[in-house]
Structure formats: C-alpha cells, structure tokens
Amino acid sequence: MAFRAARGKEKNISLFGAGILGGIIVCGLLSFPHFRPPSGDQWAKLARYGFLAAVANVLTMWAARQAPAAYIGPTQYSQMIWAILLGYVLFGDTVDLTMVAGIVLIVASGLLTLIRENVRGTPLPPSVAGERHVAAALVPETGTVAQSDSHSTERSQRSQS
C-alpha cells in the first residue's frame, strides 16, 4: 500500500531499499548487546536467505504492477499457512491460542474489508501498470514506453501492408 502511495514521488529502488534498510537497522540495534559473528556456514545460509528474500520482494513488486491489490492479497494470506506448516516441520512449533487469535483477526479483517467493498460496489483499483502491455510496464522511463509503443505500432503496420 505504501509503495503505491509513493509511486509517482519515489523511484522503485529507493522504496525497496528503505524497506530493507529499516529492517536491518532495527534488527541490528536489537541484536547488538548479544552479537556474535556468524560462522562460514551461517554466512552461506544468510546469503541464500537474502537472495530468496530479494527475489520474493521483486516478484511482489512486479505483481503489484500487474494486478490490483485485491488479487494479490489472498496469496499473501497463504503465507500464514506456509509459516505454520514450516514452523511445525522444521522447528516442531505447535499452534497455540495466541496464534489462532492472530490468524482469526487477520483473516477476519481481510474478509470484512472485501465484503464491505463488495456491498458498496466499490470497483477494484487498477494495477500500477494500468492497461499497458506487460513488457511496456517493465520499462522504467515513460518516454521510452511511448517510443517503444510507437515503434512497434509502425512495424506492425508496415508488416501488414
């Protein structure tokens, strides 16, 4: 949501970097009193995790450009299911009352919002990319998009004649 609100004012890379940098600073400050340097194996695991997290962030931003948030939201709710499943399989975590209460609160708020918007007849907001072609949406410069669209139109008109 914050990415969409700041879309026209900030570059994607600064929005991405601010989200990452904030987490690093907060987590770094909280871990400072008990910090121990990671071992080589831990560095390798951290690098793999960092790569996967970066790919996930980029794919989420790409999805937000291609589809309305209402279509992306349900896949993000599935993260809870995966977190519970992986927590159980990898760490032996079990679902407790606090976890159930949090899940119910999150799912109920999402469903309430969806029902409310359907009752009001509120149309879904468009994706960030709007009605443009997917390849054109990935081009960062507005002028470049217009030029590439006009060149492809000229080429298709020439090939048809």
Protein backbone atom coordinates (compact mmCIF):
# COMPACT_ATOMS: atom_id res chain seq x y z
CA MET A 1 0.00 0.00 0.00
CA ALA A 2 2.78 2.41 0.91
CA PHE A 3 4.58 1.55 -2.33
CA ARG A 4 1.51 2.53 -4.35
CA ALA A 5 1.02 5.78 -2.41
CA ALA A 6 4.61 6.88 -3.03
CA ARG A 7 4.72 5.53 -6.60
CA GLY A 8 4.93 8.80 -8.50
CA LYS A 9 7.19 10.53 -6.00
CA GLU A 10 9.94 7.94 -5.44
CA LYS A 11 11.91 5.52 -7.56
CA ASN A 12 11.28 1.81 -7.04
CA ILE A 13 14.83 1.17 -5.89
CA SER A 14 14.59 3.77 -3.11
CA LEU A 15 11.30 2.28 -1.90
CA PHE A 16 12.81 -1.20 -1.94
CA GLY A 17 15.98 -0.03 -0.20
CA ALA A 18 14.09 1.88 2.52
CA GLY A 19 12.12 -1.22 3.45
CA ILE A 20 15.24 -3.35 3.63
CA LEU A 21 17.40 -0.76 5.35
CA GLY A 22 14.81 -0.09 8.07
CA GLY A 23 14.67 -3.76 8.99
CA ILE A 24 18.44 -4.08 9.04
CA ILE A 25 18.85 -1.05 11.31
CA VAL A 26 16.14 -2.12 13.78
CA CYS A 27 17.26 -5.74 13.91
CA GLY A 28 20.92 -4.68 14.15
CA LEU A 29 20.28 -2.39 17.08
CA LEU A 30 18.23 -5.02 18.91
CA SER A 31 20.88 -7.71 18.42
CA PHE A 32 23.86 -5.52 19.31
CA PRO A 33 24.17 -6.44 23.03
CA HIS A 34 24.38 -10.19 22.28
CA PHE A 35 26.07 -10.15 18.86
CA ARG A 36 28.42 -12.96 17.82
CA PRO A 37 29.91 -13.04 14.30
CA PRO A 38 28.32 -15.73 12.12
CA SER A 39 30.31 -18.81 11.14
CA GLY A 40 31.05 -19.62 7.49
CA ASP A 41 28.07 -21.99 7.31
CA GLN A 42 25.80 -19.34 8.81
CA TRP A 43 27.05 -16.75 6.28
CA ALA A 44 26.16 -19.14 3.45
CA LYS A 45 22.66 -19.66 4.88
CA LEU A 46 22.24 -15.90 5.32
CA ALA A 47 23.30 -15.29 1.72
CA ARG A 48 20.79 -17.86 0.42
CA TYR A 49 18.05 -16.39 2.57
CA GLY A 50 18.91 -12.86 1.43
CA PHE A 51 18.80 -13.89 -2.22
CA LEU A 52 15.41 -15.59 -1.82
CA ALA A 53 14.02 -12.60 0.12
CA ALA A 54 15.20 -10.19 -2.59
CA VAL A 55 13.63 -12.32 -5.33
CA ALA A 56 10.38 -12.51 -3.34
CA ASN A 57 10.34 -8.72 -2.90
CA VAL A 58 10.95 -8.07 -6.58
CA LEU A 59 8.23 -10.56 -7.58
CA THR A 60 5.78 -8.96 -5.14
CA MET A 61 6.51 -5.50 -6.59
CA TRP A 62 6.10 -6.90 -10.11
CA ALA A 63 2.77 -8.48 -9.12
CA ALA A 64 1.58 -5.14 -7.69
CA ARG A 65 2.33 -3.53 -11.04
CA GLN A 66 0.34 -6.14 -12.94
CA ALA A 67 -2.76 -6.74 -10.81
CA PRO A 68 -4.97 -4.95 -8.28
CA ALA A 69 -4.08 -5.49 -4.64
CA ALA A 70 -7.34 -7.41 -4.11
CA TYR A 71 -5.96 -10.16 -6.35
CA ILE A 72 -2.55 -10.26 -4.69
CA GLY A 73 -3.86 -10.22 -1.10
CA PRO A 74 -5.11 -13.82 -0.94
CA THR A 75 -1.70 -15.18 -1.91
CA GLN A 76 -0.16 -13.14 0.88
CA TYR A 77 -2.66 -14.63 3.35
CA SER A 78 -1.36 -18.05 2.35
CA GLN A 79 1.96 -17.05 3.94
CA MET A 80 0.38 -17.82 7.32
CA ILE A 81 -0.37 -21.37 6.24
CA TRP A 82 3.18 -21.85 4.98
CA ALA A 83 4.66 -20.32 8.14
CA ILE A 84 2.62 -22.65 10.35
CA LEU A 85 3.48 -25.69 8.23
CA LEU A 86 7.21 -24.90 8.04
CA GLY A 87 7.31 -23.97 11.73
CA TYR A 88 5.85 -27.36 12.60
CA VAL A 89 8.04 -29.35 10.19
CA LEU A 90 11.34 -27.54 10.83
CA PHE A 91 11.06 -26.45 14.46
CA GLY A 92 8.27 -28.54 15.99
CA ASP A 93 6.15 -25.44 16.68
CA THR A 94 2.51 -26.03 17.51
CA VAL A 95 -0.47 -23.75 17.07
CA ASP A 96 -1.41 -22.10 20.36
CA LEU A 97 -4.32 -19.87 21.38
CA THR A 98 -2.42 -16.63 20.73
CA MET A 99 -1.53 -17.75 17.20
CA VAL A 100 -5.13 -18.75 16.47
CA ALA A 101 -6.38 -15.38 17.76
CA GLY A 102 -3.90 -13.54 15.49
CA ILE A 103 -4.85 -15.62 12.46
CA VAL A 104 -8.56 -15.08 13.05
CA LEU A 105 -8.02 -11.33 13.48
CA ILE A 106 -6.00 -11.01 10.25
CA VAL A 107 -8.29 -13.18 8.12
CA ALA A 108 -11.47 -11.61 9.55
CA SER A 109 -10.22 -8.07 8.84
CA GLY A 110 -9.37 -9.01 5.26
CA LEU A 111 -12.73 -10.69 4.71
CA LEU A 112 -14.60 -7.80 6.34
CA THR A 113 -12.86 -5.34 4.02
CA LEU A 114 -13.64 -7.50 0.98
CA ILE A 115 -17.32 -7.88 1.95
CA ARG A 116 -17.65 -4.16 2.73
CA GLU A 117 -16.18 -3.16 -0.63
CA ASN A 118 -18.44 -5.61 -2.49
CA VAL A 119 -21.55 -4.32 -0.71
CA ARG A 120 -20.61 -0.72 -1.51
CA GLY A 121 -19.97 -1.69 -5.12
CA THR A 122 -16.52 -0.15 -4.99
CA PRO A 123 -14.59 -1.04 -8.13
CA LEU A 124 -11.17 -2.59 -7.68
CA PRO A 125 -8.33 -0.12 -8.06
CA PRO A 126 -6.30 -0.68 -11.21
CA SER A 127 -2.87 -2.24 -11.10
CA VAL A 128 0.07 0.14 -11.00
CA ALA A 129 0.80 -0.69 -14.64
CA GLY A 130 -2.80 0.05 -15.64
CA GLU A 131 -3.88 -1.08 -19.08
CA ARG A 132 -0.42 -1.04 -20.66
CA HIS A 133 1.18 -4.13 -22.14
CA VAL A 134 3.22 -6.14 -19.62
CA ALA A 135 6.53 -5.57 -21.40
CA ALA A 136 5.87 -1.84 -21.58
CA ALA A 137 5.09 -1.78 -17.85
CA LEU A 138 8.56 -3.05 -17.04
CA VAL A 139 10.27 -0.17 -18.85
CA PRO A 140 11.18 2.48 -16.22
CA GLU A 141 11.07 5.61 -18.40
CA THR A 142 7.69 6.99 -19.52
CA GLY A 143 9.22 8.46 -22.69
CA THR A 144 10.80 5.12 -23.51
CA VAL A 145 7.44 3.36 -23.25
CA ALA A 146 5.82 5.78 -25.68
CA GLN A 147 8.70 5.44 -28.11
CA SER A 148 8.74 1.63 -27.95
CA ASP A 149 4.94 1.51 -28.38
CA SER A 150 5.05 3.82 -31.42
CA HIS A 151 7.92 1.84 -32.99
CA SER A 152 6.11 -1.48 -32.54
CA THR A 153 2.91 0.04 -33.99
CA GLU A 154 4.83 1.32 -37.03
CA ARG A 155 6.47 -2.08 -37.53
CA SER A 156 3.15 -3.94 -37.34
CA GLN A 157 1.54 -1.51 -39.79
CA ARG A 158 4.42 -1.96 -42.24
CA SER A 159 4.27 -5.76 -41.98
CA GLN A 160 0.51 -5.75 -42.66
CA SER A 161 0.82 -3.63 -45.83
